[in-house]
C-alpha atoms as a PDB file:
ATOM      1  CA  MET A   1     -42.676   6.308  34.460  1.00  0.00           C
ATOM      2  CA  MET A   2     -41.699   2.875  33.987  1.00  0.00           C
ATOM      3  CA  LYS A   3     -43.857   0.081  32.241  1.00  0.00           C
ATOM      4  CA  PHE A   4     -43.912  -3.124  33.738  1.00  0.00           C
ATOM      5  CA  PHE A   5     -45.411  -6.319  32.217  1.00  0.00           C
ATOM      6  CA  THR A   6     -46.675  -9.449  34.043  1.00  0.00           C
ATOM      7  CA  THR A   7     -45.452 -12.626  33.315  1.00  0.00           C
ATOM      8  CA  THR A   8     -48.703 -13.671  31.231  1.00  0.00           C
ATOM      9  CA  GLU A   9     -48.041 -10.614  29.343  1.00  0.00           C
ATOM     10  CA  LEU A  10     -44.304 -11.298  28.306  1.00  0.00           C
ATOM     11  CA  SER A  11     -45.187 -14.930  27.761  1.00  0.00           C
ATOM     12  CA  GLU A  12     -46.923 -13.557  24.678  1.00  0.00           C
ATOM     13  CA  ILE A  13     -43.882 -11.441  23.784  1.00  0.00           C
ATOM     14  CA  TRP A  14     -41.282 -14.112  24.736  1.00  0.00           C
ATOM     15  CA  GLY A  15     -42.690 -16.978  23.359  1.00  0.00           C
ATOM     16  CA  ILE A  16     -42.528 -19.034  26.487  1.00  0.00           C
ATOM     17  CA  SER A  17     -45.011 -19.966  29.626  1.00  0.00           C
ATOM     18  CA  ALA A  18     -45.623 -17.292  32.153  1.00  0.00           C
ATOM     19  CA  ARG A  19     -44.804 -20.197  34.573  1.00  0.00           C
ATOM     20  CA  ARG A  20     -41.198 -20.484  32.881  1.00  0.00           C
ATOM     21  CA  ILE A  21     -40.970 -16.822  33.047  1.00  0.00           C
ATOM     22  CA  ALA A  22     -41.577 -16.849  37.098  1.00  0.00           C
ATOM     23  CA  LEU A  23     -39.216 -19.573  37.267  1.00  0.00           C
ATOM     24  CA  LEU A  24     -36.343 -17.457  35.819  1.00  0.00           C
ATOM     25  CA  CYS A  25     -37.418 -14.287  37.905  1.00  0.00           C
ATOM     26  CA  ASN A  26     -37.342 -16.523  41.047  1.00  0.00           C
ATOM     27  CA  GLN A  27     -33.786 -17.620  39.929  1.00  0.00           C
ATOM     28  CA  GLY A  28     -32.659 -13.730  39.178  1.00  0.00           C
ATOM     29  CA  ARG A  29     -32.225 -14.437  35.967  1.00  0.00           C
ATOM     30  CA  VAL A  30     -34.594 -11.525  34.792  1.00  0.00           C
ATOM     31  CA  GLU A  31     -32.945  -8.035  35.431  1.00  0.00           C
ATOM     32  CA  GLY A  32     -35.259  -5.625  37.088  1.00  0.00           C
ATOM     33  CA  ALA A  33     -37.788  -7.969  37.828  1.00  0.00           C
ATOM     34  CA  ILE A  34     -39.769  -7.476  41.280  1.00  0.00           C
ATOM     35  CA  LYS A  35     -42.360  -9.333  43.000  1.00  0.00           C
ATOM     36  CA  LYS A  36     -45.275  -7.863  44.054  1.00  0.00           C
ATOM     37  CA  GLY A  37     -47.289  -9.937  46.127  1.00  0.00           C
ATOM     38  CA  LYS A  38     -47.649 -13.250  43.868  1.00  0.00           C
ATOM     39  CA  THR A  39     -47.282 -11.440  40.595  1.00  0.00           C
ATOM     40  CA  TRP A  40     -43.405 -10.627  39.319  1.00  0.00           C
ATOM     41  CA  LEU A  41     -43.316  -7.361  37.331  1.00  0.00           C
ATOM     42  CA  ILE A  42     -40.647  -7.470  35.009  1.00  0.00           C
ATOM     43  CA  PRO A  43     -39.674  -3.843  33.231  1.00  0.00           C
ATOM     44  CA  GLU A  44     -40.286  -3.075  29.973  1.00  0.00           C
ATOM     45  CA  GLY A  45     -36.895  -3.931  27.775  1.00  0.00           C
ATOM     46  CA  ALA A  46     -35.576  -6.511  30.069  1.00  0.00           C
ATOM     47  CA  LYS A  47     -33.664  -9.463  28.045  1.00  0.00           C
ATOM     48  CA  LYS A  48     -35.207 -12.651  28.080  1.00  0.00           C
ATOM     49  CA  PRO A  49     -32.209 -15.232  29.502  1.00  0.00           C
ATOM     50  CA  GLU A  50     -30.422 -17.519  27.535  1.00  0.00           C
ATOM     51  CA  ASP A  51     -31.537 -21.048  27.626  1.00  0.00           C
ATOM     52  CA  PRO A  52     -28.325 -23.313  28.618  1.00  0.00           C
ATOM     53  CA  ARG A  53     -30.735 -26.383  27.431  1.00  0.00           C
ATOM     54  CA  LYS A  54     -30.568 -25.397  23.929  1.00  0.00           C
ATOM     55  CA  SER A  55     -27.163 -26.059  22.300  1.00  0.00           C
ATOM     56  CA  HIS A  56     -26.352 -23.557  19.698  1.00  0.00           C
ATOM     57  CA  ASN A  57     -23.614 -26.052  18.719  1.00  0.00           C
ATOM     58  CA  LYS A  58     -24.693 -28.289  15.833  1.00  0.00           C
ATOM     59  CA  GLU A  59     -22.356 -30.861  15.929  1.00  0.00           C
ATOM     60  CA  ASN A  60     -24.762 -33.810  16.445  1.00  0.00           C
ATOM     61  CA  SER A  61     -26.909 -33.036  13.616  1.00  0.00           C
END
């Protein structure tokens, strides 16, 4: 049986807010996420999507 996390549980693991995770799920950026009523369920082992707002290029430092 596959284990699922709620957005609140996953927020502790990923270090981002549950609201942000729900937004990522809404955008289809979390693979395997399913919505059950008002709750998003994210499968164990799902990868945290890259944040395009954070630059990996430090040219302006």
